[in-house]
C-alpha cells in the first residue's frame, strides 16, 4: 500500500495534466497565408506596319513634325513622297500616300482637310532689277513688267497692267526663275517657292494686297490608319499622352 501523497500504482487515476483525457492540447501551427498571384501586365500591342507615307508639295516644310514623329514613333519610319500640286488629289486616288501637305484649293471629295498656314505672295525678279529699290511692291509697281505664268502656277490670279511674254511659258516654276534671272521678266509665287528656287542672281519682294496661298494637311476620309491618326495629332499639337 502506497503512502499518502506518493505516486499512484499502475492502473490508478492518471495524474492531472499528463494523460490523454485531461492533457493540454498541442498549440496549432499558424497557417501561412497564400500570396496573391502577380498580376500580369496587359501585352503592349505591336505598332501598325509602316512606313508612314507623307506627301509634300514643293516648298512645304514639315520638318518639325517629322522630327517629332521620329522621336515618338521610332519603330515606324516616315517616307516623304514628293508631290506636285497638279497631281495632289490624283495621288490620293492612286494610294501613293497616307497623308499629304497640300496646297489649297484642292478637290475635297473623299478627303479630310485641315488648314495649316498661309504664305505671302512675292515677286521674283532679277537681283539688279529696279524693283528691288522697295521693300514691298504694289500692283502699280508692276505696270509694264513681263509676267511669266509657268505651267505649274499655284496662284491663279491676274495682275492688271502686266504684260504677257512673247515666248512660250515654261512648264515649271524652276524654269521660270531661270528666265527671270536674265532680267527679261518676273514671276509671282508663294514665298516658300521663292526660297526653294533661290539663286544668287534673283531676289524677291512681297506683293502688297495680293491673295495669300494656303497650305493644308489632307488624308483619306475613309480607312485612315493609326499612323495617320498619330501624325494628325502631331500636327495638331497633341502630346504623346493626349487622348484623341
Protein backbone atom coordinates (compact mmCIF):
# COMPACT_ATOMS: atom_id res chain seq x y z
CA UNK A 1 0.00 0.00 0.00
CA UNK A 2 1.38 3.32 -1.05
CA UNK A 3 1.83 6.04 1.46
CA UNK A 4 -0.41 9.12 1.22
CA UNK A 5 0.94 11.68 -1.15
CA UNK A 6 3.12 9.18 -3.04
CA UNK A 7 2.72 8.21 -6.71
CA UNK A 8 -0.26 6.12 -7.65
CA UNK A 9 0.07 2.49 -8.58
CA UNK A 10 -0.18 1.34 -12.14
CA UNK A 11 -3.82 1.34 -13.21
CA UNK A 12 -4.85 4.19 -10.91
CA UNK A 13 -6.29 7.56 -11.91
CA UNK A 14 -3.85 9.34 -14.11
CA UNK A 15 -2.08 12.36 -12.84
CA UNK A 16 -3.84 15.51 -13.96
CA UNK A 17 -2.19 17.19 -16.94
CA UNK A 18 -0.34 14.14 -18.24
CA UNK A 19 -2.97 11.85 -19.73
CA UNK A 20 -4.95 12.00 -22.97
CA UNK A 21 -8.23 12.77 -21.25
CA UNK A 22 -7.04 15.73 -19.27
CA UNK A 23 -3.83 16.61 -21.06
CA UNK A 24 -3.13 20.00 -22.70
CA UNK A 25 -3.84 20.21 -26.43
CA UNK A 26 -0.85 20.97 -28.67
CA UNK A 27 -0.74 24.54 -29.96
CA UNK A 28 -1.64 24.52 -33.68
CA UNK A 29 0.93 25.98 -36.08
CA UNK A 30 -0.12 29.21 -37.76
CA UNK A 31 -1.39 28.71 -41.28
CA UNK A 32 0.73 30.50 -43.85
CA UNK A 33 -1.25 32.99 -45.94
CA UNK A 34 -1.06 32.46 -49.66
CA UNK A 35 0.43 35.34 -51.61
CA UNK A 36 -1.79 36.56 -54.44
CA UNK A 37 -0.53 35.62 -57.87
CA UNK A 38 1.29 38.51 -59.51
CA UNK A 39 -0.88 40.48 -61.90
CA UNK A 40 0.38 40.17 -65.44
CA UNK A 41 0.64 43.41 -67.39
CA UNK A 42 -1.51 43.66 -70.48
CA UNK A 43 0.51 42.93 -73.59
CA UNK A 44 1.60 46.06 -75.46
CA UNK A 45 0.12 45.95 -78.95
CA UNK A 46 2.60 45.97 -81.78
CA UNK A 47 2.74 49.21 -83.76
CA UNK A 48 0.93 49.11 -87.09
CA UNK A 49 3.12 48.29 -90.06
CA UNK A 50 4.94 51.14 -91.78
CA UNK A 51 6.34 53.11 -93.33
CA UNK A 52 4.05 56.12 -92.97
CA UNK A 53 4.00 57.82 -96.38
CA UNK A 54 3.71 61.61 -96.23
CA UNK A 55 3.21 63.51 -99.47
CA UNK A 56 4.65 67.02 -99.68
CA UNK A 57 4.18 69.73 -102.30
CA UNK A 58 7.19 71.81 -103.39
CA UNK A 59 8.08 74.34 -100.73
CA UNK A 60 6.33 72.50 -97.90
CA UNK A 61 8.27 72.47 -94.63
CA UNK A 62 7.08 69.55 -92.46
CA UNK A 63 10.49 69.17 -90.79
CA UNK A 64 9.35 69.93 -87.23
CA UNK A 65 6.54 67.38 -87.46
CA UNK A 66 8.88 64.77 -88.93
CA UNK A 67 11.31 65.29 -86.04
CA UNK A 68 8.50 64.72 -83.52
CA UNK A 69 7.44 61.61 -85.45
CA UNK A 70 10.95 60.15 -85.29
CA UNK A 71 11.01 60.64 -81.51
CA UNK A 72 7.51 59.34 -80.89
CA UNK A 73 7.41 56.54 -83.46
CA UNK A 74 10.99 55.20 -83.70
CA UNK A 75 9.85 51.80 -84.99
CA UNK A 76 7.77 53.28 -87.80
CA UNK A 77 9.80 55.08 -90.47
CA UNK A 78 8.32 58.07 -92.26
CA UNK A 79 8.73 58.16 -96.02
CA UNK A 80 8.50 61.59 -97.70
CA UNK A 81 6.76 61.40 -101.09
CA UNK A 82 7.36 64.36 -103.49
CA UNK A 83 4.04 65.69 -104.75
CA UNK A 84 3.08 68.16 -107.47
CA UNK A 85 0.12 70.47 -106.92
CA UNK A 86 -1.47 69.33 -110.17
CA UNK A 87 -1.38 65.70 -109.04
CA UNK A 88 -2.10 66.11 -105.35
CA UNK A 89 -5.68 64.80 -105.44
CA UNK A 90 -4.99 62.10 -108.02
CA UNK A 91 -2.12 60.81 -105.87
CA UNK A 92 -4.60 60.04 -103.10
CA UNK A 93 -6.82 58.17 -105.54
CA UNK A 94 -3.82 56.06 -106.59
CA UNK A 95 -2.94 55.31 -102.96
CA UNK A 96 0.51 56.86 -103.29
CA UNK A 97 0.49 58.22 -99.73
CA UNK A 98 -1.27 58.03 -96.37
CA UNK A 99 -1.48 61.81 -95.81
CA UNK A 100 -0.06 64.89 -97.51
CA UNK A 101 0.87 68.53 -97.11
CA UNK A 102 -1.18 70.06 -99.95
CA UNK A 103 -1.82 73.48 -101.41
CA UNK A 104 -5.35 74.84 -101.48
CA UNK A 105 -7.65 74.79 -103.26
CA UNK A 106 -7.94 71.02 -103.58
CA UNK A 107 -10.88 68.81 -104.52
CA UNK A 108 -12.06 67.68 -101.07
CA UNK A 109 -14.09 64.74 -102.32
CA UNK A 110 -13.13 61.74 -100.17
CA UNK A 111 -10.63 63.74 -98.11
CA UNK A 112 -10.32 65.27 -94.66
CA UNK A 113 -8.57 68.64 -94.88
CA UNK A 114 -7.32 70.93 -92.12
CA UNK A 115 -5.68 74.31 -92.95
CA UNK A 116 -2.14 74.77 -91.64
CA UNK A 117 -0.87 78.20 -92.65
CA UNK A 118 -0.94 80.87 -95.37
CA UNK A 119 2.01 82.03 -97.44
CA UNK A 120 2.76 85.56 -98.61
CA UNK A 121 2.82 86.09 -102.36
CA UNK A 122 6.12 87.54 -103.60
CA UNK A 123 7.52 88.92 -106.85
CA UNK A 124 10.68 87.18 -108.03
CA UNK A 125 12.87 89.44 -110.13
CA UNK A 126 16.48 89.77 -111.22
CA UNK A 127 18.86 90.77 -108.44
CA UNK A 128 19.72 94.04 -110.25
CA UNK A 129 16.11 94.94 -111.12
CA UNK A 130 14.78 98.40 -110.27
CA UNK A 131 12.00 96.63 -108.36
CA UNK A 132 14.46 95.84 -105.58
CA UNK A 133 14.52 99.51 -104.54
CA UNK A 134 11.35 98.93 -102.49
CA UNK A 135 10.96 96.60 -99.52
CA UNK A 136 7.40 95.82 -100.61
CA UNK A 137 5.80 96.13 -104.02
CA UNK A 138 2.31 97.10 -105.13
CA UNK A 139 0.38 96.25 -108.27
CA UNK A 140 1.20 99.73 -109.60
CA UNK A 141 4.92 98.95 -109.32
CA UNK A 142 4.43 96.06 -111.75
CA UNK A 143 2.87 98.12 -114.57
CA UNK A 144 4.52 97.16 -117.84
CA UNK A 145 6.50 94.26 -116.34
CA UNK A 146 6.51 91.00 -118.31
CA UNK A 147 4.97 88.36 -116.08
CA UNK A 148 5.67 84.67 -116.59
CA UNK A 149 2.91 82.25 -115.58
CA UNK A 150 4.51 78.79 -115.54
CA UNK A 151 2.59 75.61 -116.23
CA UNK A 152 2.66 74.66 -112.54
CA UNK A 153 1.46 78.07 -111.32
CA UNK A 154 -0.37 77.79 -107.99
CA UNK A 155 -1.66 81.35 -107.57
CA UNK A 156 -4.13 81.70 -110.45
CA UNK A 157 -4.80 85.42 -110.24
CA UNK A 158 -4.15 88.29 -112.63
CA UNK A 159 -2.23 91.49 -112.00
CA UNK A 160 -3.60 94.35 -114.07
CA UNK A 161 -1.03 96.17 -116.19
CA UNK A 162 1.48 93.34 -116.52
CA UNK A 163 2.38 92.06 -119.98
CA UNK A 164 2.41 88.53 -121.35
CA UNK A 165 5.77 87.23 -122.59
CA UNK A 166 6.39 86.81 -126.31
CA UNK A 167 7.84 83.37 -125.66
CA UNK A 168 6.14 80.16 -124.60
CA UNK A 169 5.54 79.90 -120.89
CA UNK A 170 7.85 77.39 -119.21
CA UNK A 171 6.40 74.25 -117.69
CA UNK A 172 7.79 74.71 -114.20
CA UNK A 173 8.46 77.45 -111.67
CA UNK A 174 12.12 76.45 -111.60
CA UNK A 175 12.44 77.11 -115.34
CA UNK A 176 10.60 80.43 -114.93
CA UNK A 177 13.09 81.57 -112.29
CA UNK A 178 15.96 80.77 -114.67
CA UNK A 179 14.39 83.10 -117.23
CA UNK A 180 13.76 85.77 -114.57
CA UNK A 181 17.48 85.73 -113.77
CA UNK A 182 18.19 87.17 -117.23
CA UNK A 183 16.20 90.28 -116.35
CA UNK A 184 13.51 89.95 -119.02
CA UNK A 185 10.55 89.07 -116.81
CA UNK A 186 9.14 88.50 -113.33
CA UNK A 187 7.22 85.63 -111.76
CA UNK A 188 4.81 85.61 -108.82
CA UNK A 189 4.98 82.71 -106.39
CA UNK A 190 4.32 81.84 -102.74
CA UNK A 191 7.32 82.75 -100.58
CA UNK A 192 8.28 79.12 -99.95
CA UNK A 193 8.76 78.56 -103.70
CA UNK A 194 10.89 81.69 -104.00
CA UNK A 195 13.13 80.29 -101.26
CA UNK A 196 13.11 76.82 -102.80
CA UNK A 197 14.36 78.18 -106.15
CA UNK A 198 16.74 80.76 -104.69
CA UNK A 199 19.67 81.84 -106.84
CA UNK A 200 22.34 84.48 -106.39
CA UNK A 201 21.14 86.35 -109.47
CA UNK A 202 17.49 86.66 -108.37
CA UNK A 203 15.67 88.06 -105.35
CA UNK A 204 12.08 88.62 -104.28
CA UNK A 205 9.82 91.22 -102.68
CA UNK A 206 6.38 90.81 -101.03
CA UNK A 207 3.42 91.97 -103.11
CA UNK A 208 1.02 94.06 -101.04
CA UNK A 209 -2.68 93.11 -101.05
CA UNK A 210 -2.05 90.01 -103.14
CA UNK A 211 -4.03 86.86 -102.27
CA UNK A 212 -2.15 84.52 -99.95
CA UNK A 213 -1.59 80.85 -100.76
CA UNK A 214 -2.96 78.41 -98.19
CA UNK A 215 -1.31 75.13 -97.21
CA UNK A 216 -3.19 72.27 -95.56
CA UNK A 217 -2.91 68.70 -94.31
CA UNK A 218 -5.12 66.18 -96.12
CA UNK A 219 -5.80 62.47 -95.65
CA UNK A 220 -8.44 59.99 -96.86
CA UNK A 221 -11.81 60.33 -95.14
CA UNK A 222 -12.27 56.55 -95.14
CA UNK A 223 -9.87 53.90 -93.89
CA UNK A 224 -7.46 56.15 -92.01
CA UNK A 225 -4.88 54.09 -90.13
CA UNK A 226 -3.50 54.53 -86.62
CA UNK A 227 -0.38 56.01 -88.18
CA UNK A 228 -2.46 58.71 -89.89
CA UNK A 229 -4.21 59.48 -86.60
CA UNK A 230 -0.83 59.79 -84.90
CA UNK A 231 0.53 62.22 -87.49
CA UNK A 232 -2.65 64.32 -87.44
CA UNK A 233 -2.28 64.50 -83.66
CA UNK A 234 1.32 65.67 -84.00
CA UNK A 235 0.31 68.41 -86.44
CA UNK A 236 -2.47 69.50 -84.10
CA UNK A 237 -0.04 69.71 -81.20
CA UNK A 238 -1.14 66.71 -79.18
CA UNK A 239 1.44 65.28 -76.79
CA UNK A 240 2.22 61.57 -76.66
CA UNK A 241 -0.10 61.25 -73.62
CA UNK A 242 -3.01 63.18 -75.10
CA UNK A 243 -6.22 61.35 -75.82
CA UNK A 244 -7.77 61.69 -79.23
